[in-house]
Amino acid sequence: MQIPTNHITDYAEGGISLKSLTMGGKASSLTGLHRDDYYLFCLLTRGELRLCVDFSEQVVHAHEIGCILPGQVHQFVDARDTEGWLLCVDGVHIGEANRQTMQRFAFSRRVLPALTASYIYRWTAFILQFVIK
């Protein structure tokens, strides 16, 4: 089975894309099993998202942050009243020193809770510190 790869250059000028995420019900038909050639950061503001990353099931709840690394095989499986944000970043915008840090935040490693009411601001600031070299 050949797993397709999505390329950020196909839909994000400049290599950065921020998209709102709204899903409900079975999500697998929306995404299908695939890889991306970019970093994918996910912040849920509401609901729950069940996904498969590197053939291991992960669950992300509201106020949690996760990261899928370039090349990781993944698929959205189920979503329950889910809202949030997806930030896609081409690796050229992330300095080599920061790539090691990103490894620690991959979905297959752990999901991080966002701890305060200002989590969207803090999440954005956190991500942008790695995007800006």
Protein backbone atom coordinates (compact mmCIF):
# COMPACT_ATOMS: atom_id res chain seq x y z
CA MET A 1 0.00 0.00 0.00
CA GLN A 2 1.42 3.37 -1.00
CA ILE A 3 0.59 6.19 1.42
CA PRO A 4 0.12 9.60 -0.24
CA THR A 5 2.04 12.68 0.90
CA ASN A 6 0.50 16.15 1.09
CA HIS A 7 2.81 19.04 0.18
CA ILE A 8 2.47 22.43 1.82
CA THR A 9 3.42 24.17 -1.43
CA ASP A 10 0.18 22.89 -2.97
CA TYR A 11 -1.99 25.13 -0.80
CA ALA A 12 0.06 27.48 1.43
CA GLU A 13 1.94 30.34 -0.14
CA GLY A 14 5.08 31.05 1.86
CA GLY A 15 4.97 27.71 3.65
CA ILE A 16 2.68 28.69 6.54
CA SER A 17 -1.05 28.05 6.82
CA LEU A 18 -3.45 28.62 9.71
CA LYS A 19 -6.87 26.98 9.38
CA SER A 20 -9.86 26.81 11.66
CA LEU A 21 -10.96 23.28 12.45
CA THR A 22 -14.61 22.29 12.84
CA MET A 23 -15.52 18.61 12.75
CA GLY A 24 -18.19 16.29 14.05
CA GLY A 25 -18.75 12.55 13.62
CA LYS A 26 -16.60 10.16 11.64
CA ALA A 27 -13.69 12.08 10.19
CA SER A 28 -11.74 9.34 8.43
CA SER A 29 -13.51 9.93 5.14
CA LEU A 30 -12.36 13.56 5.25
CA THR A 31 -8.65 12.90 5.57
CA GLY A 32 -7.72 9.34 4.70
CA LEU A 33 -4.39 7.83 5.74
CA HIS A 34 -1.57 10.16 4.58
CA ARG A 35 1.69 11.93 5.36
CA ASP A 36 2.48 15.63 5.25
CA ASP A 37 5.82 17.18 4.31
CA TYR A 38 5.37 19.88 6.98
CA TYR A 39 4.84 20.31 10.72
CA LEU A 40 1.19 20.21 11.78
CA PHE A 41 0.25 21.79 15.11
CA CYS A 42 -3.24 21.25 16.48
CA LEU A 43 -4.99 23.15 19.27
CA LEU A 44 -8.51 22.10 20.23
CA THR A 45 -10.70 24.76 21.78
CA ARG A 46 -13.70 22.44 22.09
CA GLY A 47 -14.54 18.77 21.82
CA GLU A 48 -12.42 15.71 21.20
CA LEU A 49 -10.43 14.46 18.21
CA ARG A 50 -9.43 10.84 17.78
CA LEU A 51 -6.66 10.21 15.29
CA CYS A 52 -4.18 7.57 14.30
CA VAL A 53 -0.51 8.66 14.20
CA ASP A 54 2.13 6.18 13.05
CA PHE A 55 -0.51 3.44 13.43
CA SER A 56 -1.13 4.28 17.10
CA GLU A 57 -4.45 5.76 18.26
CA GLN A 58 -4.27 9.17 19.96
CA VAL A 59 -7.00 11.26 21.55
CA VAL A 60 -6.81 15.03 21.83
CA HIS A 61 -9.25 16.86 24.09
CA ALA A 62 -10.22 20.52 24.32
CA HIS A 63 -7.39 22.72 25.57
CA GLU A 64 -4.67 20.31 24.47
CA ILE A 65 -1.94 20.88 21.91
CA GLY A 66 -0.28 18.32 19.67
CA CYS A 67 2.23 18.18 16.84
CA ILE A 68 2.55 15.84 13.88
CA LEU A 69 6.05 15.80 12.41
CA PRO A 70 6.79 15.77 8.67
CA GLY A 71 6.56 12.22 7.38
CA GLN A 72 4.43 10.80 10.20
CA VAL A 73 1.58 8.68 8.85
CA HIS A 74 -1.73 9.93 10.24
CA GLN A 75 -5.49 10.02 9.79
CA PHE A 76 -8.35 11.76 11.59
CA VAL A 77 -10.64 8.95 12.77
CA ASP A 78 -13.42 10.53 14.83
CA ALA A 79 -14.41 13.98 16.07
CA ARG A 80 -16.92 14.90 18.74
CA ASP A 81 -18.16 18.49 18.59
CA THR A 82 -14.61 19.54 17.69
CA GLU A 83 -13.38 23.07 17.13
CA GLY A 84 -9.87 24.45 17.10
CA TRP A 85 -6.95 25.48 14.93
CA LEU A 86 -4.45 23.76 12.65
CA LEU A 87 -1.14 25.47 11.97
CA CYS A 88 0.91 24.00 9.10
CA VAL A 89 4.56 25.09 8.87
CA ASP A 90 7.15 24.16 6.27
CA GLY A 91 10.35 22.87 7.89
CA VAL A 92 12.39 25.62 6.21
CA HIS A 93 10.83 28.04 8.72
CA ILE A 94 12.02 26.00 11.70
CA GLY A 95 15.70 26.25 12.52
CA GLU A 96 17.72 23.08 12.96
CA ALA A 97 18.19 23.69 16.68
CA ASN A 98 14.42 23.84 17.14
CA ARG A 99 13.70 20.65 15.19
CA GLN A 100 14.95 18.59 18.12
CA THR A 101 12.51 20.40 20.39
CA MET A 102 9.67 19.63 17.98
CA GLN A 103 10.51 15.92 18.24
CA ARG A 104 9.47 16.05 21.91
CA PHE A 105 6.04 17.45 21.07
CA ALA A 106 4.93 14.97 18.41
CA PHE A 107 1.50 13.36 18.89
CA SER A 108 3.09 9.94 19.04
CA ARG A 109 5.10 11.08 22.08
CA ARG A 110 2.49 13.03 24.10
CA VAL A 111 -0.25 15.63 24.04
CA LEU A 112 0.31 18.85 25.98
CA PRO A 113 -2.44 20.45 28.06
CA ALA A 114 -2.99 24.16 27.60
CA LEU A 115 -3.24 25.37 31.17
CA THR A 116 -4.69 28.90 31.16
CA ALA A 117 -7.52 30.89 29.67
CA SER A 118 -4.99 32.65 27.44
CA TYR A 119 -3.88 29.36 25.85
CA ILE A 120 -4.52 30.52 22.28
CA TYR A 121 -2.17 33.48 22.70
CA ARG A 122 0.44 31.39 24.49
CA TRP A 123 0.15 28.56 21.94
CA THR A 124 0.63 30.97 19.07
CA ALA A 125 3.60 32.62 20.77
CA PHE A 126 5.10 29.20 21.51
CA ILE A 127 4.79 28.03 17.91
CA LEU A 128 6.00 31.31 16.43
CA GLN A 129 9.21 31.20 18.47
CA PHE A 130 10.15 28.13 16.43
CA VAL A 131 8.92 29.52 13.13
CA ILE A 132 10.97 32.70 13.43
CA LYS A 133 14.63 31.75 13.15
